[in-house]
Structure formats: C-alpha cells, structure tokens
C-alpha cells in the first residue's frame, strides 16, 4: 500500500462547542467534554499509529470563537472572558495529549491572539479587543449567526499554523535540571515543531558536557558527573521523519543549553 506521509487531525471542538447557551457557559458540559477528550484522543492517536506505524501526526489547539459574544454587551463580555480561560484549559489538555501520543500540535490559538484583550483590533470600523476582532474578522461567528467555523482568511491562517509546525523544528530546552557530583543523573531535552521522532547530538564546535554525562540520540542526558560547575553546550535536534524532504534544513535546529552540576 502507498505510504501515508502525514495526518492532520482536528479533535475536541465538538466535545465543547455546545456548552455555550445564550449568555451562559455550562461547566458540567465543559467538564464532560474534557473527560471525553482525555479518554478518546489517546485512542485515536494509537489507532493511527497502529494503521501506519511511525506516521507523522499533527493535531491542533483552538481559537476561541465564543469571543464573538463580546459584542453583545456586558453580559457577553463576561462570558467571552470566561471562555478564554476555558479555552486555555482545553488547549493545554490537547497539547499534553498530543505530546503523550507522539504527535505535534499546531497553534492557531496564538495566531488568533486568543488571550489578547488589548484594544488594538478593529471590526466593522469599531475598535475592539484584539482577540475579539480577530475572531470576528476570521471566522463566521459574528457574521454568521454564531457559526464557529473559520472563513477563508481564517482557514488560511490555520493552515499556516500547521505549516509552521510541519516545516520547522526548534530546540525548546534552555537549561537542564541541576545535577549533583557523584549522583546518577537523568535529564531530557525537548523540541517543538516537526514531528517528535527527533535525533539529538552535540552540535559541531560545542563545548563538551560535564565529565561523566552523556547525551543520547533520544534526547536524554545521563551519567554520574564528577566535577561541579556550569557549562553551556550547543545541541542539535533533527526531525528524522521520512515523509517530508522538501526543506531539509528546516528539520534541523541548534540551541544553547545550560548544564549545571552542584557540589
């Protein structure tokens, strides 16, 4: 059978999009939706890997369409503010579950500036909070009777959020947990973007790790250090997935990581 290069999935919105009724968010509905996501998303990710072992899977977090109720007045503004908090909870859960399932997550929530209530946005010629204006300009919520889906512009921005993750990887770790002389140590490097089938190494020209520590290809740093002190090393991460070869340089990144060994 033909190899599947990658899979993009959009899971979770339908579990919670019915929780807004008028100017009220049903918390039991939200909690039930989060519970279903917690149970079902790992099953979906496992099923995809079973069907195509090693396939690159990309999920996403969500913009908050319910910000659009801000335009209805004070009651709507209270609901919009609450919805952003709940969107943050939902998105944190999704990112955690995708990571645990070996998938990467695109970040439309940041593209839509979901948490930015600064009065820097414009919708229909009126000044509005930036996040409200973005949702109204880039989805059908404000113009389509509460339709939560993106319009053409919004869909392009969501696609761009996926492209950022699919076509690039960066080192996320800036400092490892502190080690101690004479004690066995295990730390782990992390990266974002690309696909979590990463390969790690010290970059060419980097200072060595403290004596006794070793960096493994899976990103773990282990060993028993022998000398106290702090060093800065340059690590390299490579996205090793087989599917995408159009921009090889985008699948490799370096970053500076501080390693401290206490006495």
Protein backbone atom coordinates (compact mmCIF):
# COMPACT_ATOMS: atom_id res chain seq x y z
CA UNK A 1 0.00 0.00 0.00
CA UNK A 2 1.06 3.58 -0.57
CA UNK A 3 2.83 5.14 2.42
CA UNK A 4 0.90 7.90 4.17
CA UNK A 5 3.18 10.93 4.52
CA UNK A 6 1.35 12.63 7.37
CA UNK A 7 -2.04 13.01 9.01
CA UNK A 8 -3.55 16.25 10.30
CA UNK A 9 -6.40 15.98 12.76
CA UNK A 10 -8.81 18.40 14.40
CA UNK A 11 -10.19 16.74 17.53
CA UNK A 12 -12.03 18.17 20.52
CA UNK A 13 -14.08 21.15 19.38
CA UNK A 14 -17.28 19.14 19.02
CA UNK A 15 -16.93 17.97 22.62
CA UNK A 16 -17.34 21.50 23.95
CA UNK A 17 -18.86 23.72 21.26
CA UNK A 18 -22.38 23.09 22.58
CA UNK A 19 -21.55 24.30 26.07
CA UNK A 20 -22.49 27.93 25.35
CA UNK A 21 -26.20 28.63 25.61
CA UNK A 22 -27.27 32.24 25.26
CA UNK A 23 -25.02 34.10 27.68
CA UNK A 24 -24.12 31.11 29.87
CA UNK A 25 -21.37 28.53 29.67
CA UNK A 26 -22.37 25.17 31.17
CA UNK A 27 -19.48 23.99 33.31
CA UNK A 28 -20.82 20.40 33.59
CA UNK A 29 -20.87 20.35 29.78
CA UNK A 30 -17.28 21.61 29.64
CA UNK A 31 -16.08 19.05 32.20
CA UNK A 32 -17.84 16.25 30.35
CA UNK A 33 -16.28 17.36 27.07
CA UNK A 34 -12.79 17.46 28.56
CA UNK A 35 -13.29 14.00 30.03
CA UNK A 36 -14.30 12.60 26.64
CA UNK A 37 -11.25 14.21 25.01
CA UNK A 38 -8.98 12.75 27.70
CA UNK A 39 -10.40 9.30 27.06
CA UNK A 40 -10.81 9.32 23.30
CA UNK A 41 -7.90 11.28 21.84
CA UNK A 42 -5.24 8.79 23.03
CA UNK A 43 -7.30 6.01 21.42
CA UNK A 44 -7.43 7.91 18.14
CA UNK A 45 -3.68 8.54 18.15
CA UNK A 46 -2.96 4.90 18.99
CA UNK A 47 -5.27 3.80 16.17
CA UNK A 48 -3.47 5.96 13.65
CA UNK A 49 -0.11 4.55 14.69
CA UNK A 50 -1.47 1.01 14.51
CA UNK A 51 -2.72 1.63 10.97
CA UNK A 52 0.52 3.28 9.80
CA UNK A 53 3.36 2.74 12.28
CA UNK A 54 5.56 5.81 12.55
CA UNK A 55 3.23 8.10 10.60
CA UNK A 56 3.69 11.80 11.38
CA UNK A 57 0.53 13.05 13.10
CA UNK A 58 -0.25 16.73 13.61
CA UNK A 59 -3.09 17.98 15.77
CA UNK A 60 -4.08 21.50 16.73
CA UNK A 61 -5.28 23.67 19.56
CA UNK A 62 -8.19 26.09 19.07
CA UNK A 63 -9.01 29.73 18.64
CA UNK A 64 -11.95 30.80 20.79
CA UNK A 65 -14.98 31.58 18.60
CA UNK A 66 -17.09 32.48 21.63
CA UNK A 67 -15.11 35.69 21.97
CA UNK A 68 -17.64 36.99 19.46
CA UNK A 69 -20.28 37.32 22.19
CA UNK A 70 -18.21 40.26 23.48
CA UNK A 71 -20.12 42.43 21.01
CA UNK A 72 -23.45 41.78 22.75
CA UNK A 73 -22.70 43.89 25.83
CA UNK A 74 -21.53 43.49 29.44
CA UNK A 75 -23.02 40.02 29.95
CA UNK A 76 -21.43 38.83 26.73
CA UNK A 77 -18.12 40.36 27.71
CA UNK A 78 -18.14 38.39 30.97
CA UNK A 79 -18.83 35.19 29.03
CA UNK A 80 -16.12 35.98 26.49
CA UNK A 81 -13.59 36.48 29.28
CA UNK A 82 -14.61 33.19 30.89
CA UNK A 83 -14.41 31.41 27.56
CA UNK A 84 -10.78 32.42 27.07
CA UNK A 85 -9.87 30.86 30.41
CA UNK A 86 -11.66 27.65 29.44
CA UNK A 87 -10.04 27.68 26.00
CA UNK A 88 -6.68 27.80 27.74
CA UNK A 89 -7.60 24.72 29.77
CA UNK A 90 -8.79 22.89 26.65
CA UNK A 91 -5.70 23.80 24.66
CA UNK A 92 -3.29 22.81 27.43
CA UNK A 93 -5.01 19.43 27.62
CA UNK A 94 -4.84 18.93 23.85
CA UNK A 95 -1.14 19.81 23.66
CA UNK A 96 -0.39 17.45 26.55
CA UNK A 97 -2.33 14.56 24.99
CA UNK A 98 -0.82 15.09 21.55
CA UNK A 99 2.67 15.10 23.02
CA UNK A 100 2.00 11.96 25.06
CA UNK A 101 0.72 10.26 21.90
CA UNK A 102 3.79 11.11 19.86
CA UNK A 103 2.14 13.88 17.83
CA UNK A 104 2.88 17.57 17.37
CA UNK A 105 0.29 20.32 17.76
CA UNK A 106 -0.22 23.40 15.61
CA UNK A 107 -1.13 26.58 17.48
CA UNK A 108 -3.99 28.52 15.86
CA UNK A 109 -4.82 29.92 19.30
CA UNK A 110 -1.69 32.06 19.18
CA UNK A 111 -2.27 33.08 15.56
CA UNK A 112 -5.73 34.35 16.56
CA UNK A 113 -4.17 36.15 19.58
CA UNK A 114 -6.74 34.41 21.76
CA UNK A 115 -5.62 35.88 25.10
CA UNK A 116 -5.00 39.46 23.90
CA UNK A 117 -7.75 41.76 25.18
CA UNK A 118 -5.84 44.95 24.33
CA UNK A 119 -7.99 47.48 22.48
CA UNK A 120 -5.95 47.28 19.30
CA UNK A 121 -8.38 45.45 16.99
CA UNK A 122 -10.95 46.71 14.51
CA UNK A 123 -14.19 45.08 13.41
CA UNK A 124 -16.75 46.83 11.18
CA UNK A 125 -14.94 50.10 11.77
CA UNK A 126 -15.13 49.86 15.56
CA UNK A 127 -12.26 49.45 17.99
CA UNK A 128 -12.49 46.13 19.81
CA UNK A 129 -10.15 43.90 21.84
CA UNK A 130 -7.62 42.33 19.51
CA UNK A 131 -8.78 38.76 20.15
CA UNK A 132 -12.43 39.70 19.58
CA UNK A 133 -11.63 41.49 16.33
CA UNK A 134 -9.58 38.54 15.09
CA UNK A 135 -12.37 36.06 15.75
CA UNK A 136 -14.97 38.30 14.15
CA UNK A 137 -12.80 39.03 11.12
CA UNK A 138 -11.50 35.50 10.58
CA UNK A 139 -14.49 33.29 11.49
CA UNK A 140 -18.21 33.22 10.72
CA UNK A 141 -19.23 33.66 14.36
CA UNK A 142 -20.06 37.37 14.32
CA UNK A 143 -21.44 37.48 10.79
CA UNK A 144 -22.99 34.04 10.51
CA UNK A 145 -25.27 33.66 13.49
CA UNK A 146 -22.77 32.03 15.81
CA UNK A 147 -21.14 29.69 13.29
CA UNK A 148 -17.86 28.71 14.95
CA UNK A 149 -16.01 27.83 11.75
CA UNK A 150 -13.31 29.92 10.13
CA UNK A 151 -13.91 31.91 6.97
CA UNK A 152 -11.49 31.72 4.03
CA UNK A 153 -8.99 34.02 5.72
CA UNK A 154 -9.21 32.10 8.97
CA UNK A 155 -8.74 28.77 7.21
CA UNK A 156 -5.61 30.10 5.53
CA UNK A 157 -4.26 31.18 8.92
CA UNK A 158 -5.00 27.78 10.46
CA UNK A 159 -3.22 26.14 7.51
CA UNK A 160 -0.27 28.44 8.14
CA UNK A 161 -0.16 27.36 11.76
CA UNK A 162 0.09 23.75 10.60
CA UNK A 163 2.78 24.65 8.07
CA UNK A 164 4.87 26.29 10.79
CA UNK A 165 4.91 23.07 12.77
CA UNK A 166 5.21 20.67 9.83
CA UNK A 167 8.07 22.53 8.18
CA UNK A 168 10.21 23.51 11.15
CA UNK A 169 11.70 22.32 14.44
CA UNK A 170 13.36 24.31 17.24
CA UNK A 171 15.13 23.44 20.48
CA UNK A 172 12.84 24.21 23.43
CA UNK A 173 15.15 23.44 26.37
CA UNK A 174 17.36 26.28 27.57
CA UNK A 175 18.56 24.70 30.83
CA UNK A 176 18.56 21.17 32.19
CA UNK A 177 17.69 20.40 35.82
CA UNK A 178 20.65 20.72 38.18
CA UNK A 179 22.79 17.61 38.63
CA UNK A 180 24.98 16.75 41.63
CA UNK A 181 28.54 15.47 41.81
CA UNK A 182 28.65 11.71 42.40
CA UNK A 183 24.91 11.17 41.94
CA UNK A 184 23.34 9.43 38.97
CA UNK A 185 21.57 11.92 36.74
CA UNK A 186 18.88 11.78 34.07
CA UNK A 187 17.64 14.85 32.18
CA UNK A 188 15.81 15.25 28.90
CA UNK A 189 15.98 17.79 26.09
CA UNK A 190 12.80 18.89 24.34
CA UNK A 191 11.97 20.41 20.97
CA UNK A 192 8.88 21.86 19.31
CA UNK A 193 7.73 21.61 15.73
CA UNK A 194 8.36 18.99 13.14
CA UNK A 195 7.49 15.52 14.37
CA UNK A 196 8.62 14.09 17.71
CA UNK A 197 10.78 11.42 16.09
CA UNK A 198 13.82 13.53 16.95
CA UNK A 199 17.51 12.67 16.90
CA UNK A 200 19.80 14.65 19.22
CA UNK A 201 23.54 15.30 19.30
CA UNK A 202 26.04 17.92 20.36
CA UNK A 203 26.48 20.44 17.56
CA UNK A 204 29.80 20.80 15.79
CA UNK A 205 32.09 23.06 17.82
CA UNK A 206 30.07 22.74 21.04
CA UNK A 207 31.74 22.60 24.41
CA UNK A 208 31.59 19.09 25.91
CA UNK A 209 29.09 18.10 28.56
CA UNK A 210 30.39 17.96 32.12
CA UNK A 211 32.62 14.94 32.68
CA UNK A 212 30.54 11.87 33.37
CA UNK A 213 27.46 12.98 31.44
CA UNK A 214 26.43 11.75 28.00
CA UNK A 215 23.80 12.95 25.51
CA UNK A 216 21.86 10.13 23.87
CA UNK A 217 20.19 10.25 20.47
CA UNK A 218 16.73 10.24 22.08
CA UNK A 219 17.48 13.50 23.92
CA UNK A 220 18.21 12.07 27.35
CA UNK A 221 21.29 13.16 29.25
CA UNK A 222 22.53 10.54 31.71
CA UNK A 223 25.53 9.65 33.82
CA UNK A 224 27.26 10.47 37.08
CA UNK A 225 29.03 13.85 36.95
CA UNK A 226 32.40 14.18 38.64
CA UNK A 227 33.02 17.94 38.71
CA UNK A 228 30.86 20.86 39.86
CA UNK A 229 30.25 23.86 37.65
CA UNK A 230 28.07 25.25 34.87
CA UNK A 231 28.70 24.87 31.17
CA UNK A 232 26.77 25.97 28.11
CA UNK A 233 26.60 23.41 25.32
CA UNK A 234 25.14 23.69 21.83
CA UNK A 235 22.81 20.85 20.96
CA UNK A 236 21.39 19.88 17.60
CA UNK A 237 18.00 18.31 17.00
CA UNK A 238 16.99 16.65 13.74
CA UNK A 239 13.47 15.72 12.70
CA UNK A 240 14.04 12.22 11.29
CA UNK A 241 10.64 11.55 9.75
CA UNK A 242 10.89 10.06 6.30
CA UNK A 243 7.92 11.74 4.70
CA UNK A 244 8.97 15.35 4.14
CA UNK A 245 12.24 16.09 2.35
CA UNK A 246 11.41 19.37 0.59
CA UNK A 247 13.25 21.61 3.03
CA UNK A 248 15.88 19.51 4.84
CA UNK A 249 17.40 22.50 6.62
CA UNK A 250 14.06 23.28 8.27
CA UNK A 251 14.14 19.90 10.02
CA UNK A 252 17.33 20.60 11.91
CA UNK A 253 17.98 23.20 14.58
CA UNK A 254 20.55 24.09 17.19
CA UNK A 255 20.16 25.71 20.58
CA UNK A 256 22.22 26.67 23.61
CA UNK A 257 21.53 24.66 26.78
CA UNK A 258 22.90 25.39 30.23
CA UNK A 259 24.04 22.37 32.30
CA UNK A 260 24.79 22.89 35.99
CA UNK A 261 26.41 20.37 38.34
CA UNK A 262 26.18 21.21 42.02
CA UNK A 263 28.68 20.05 44.63
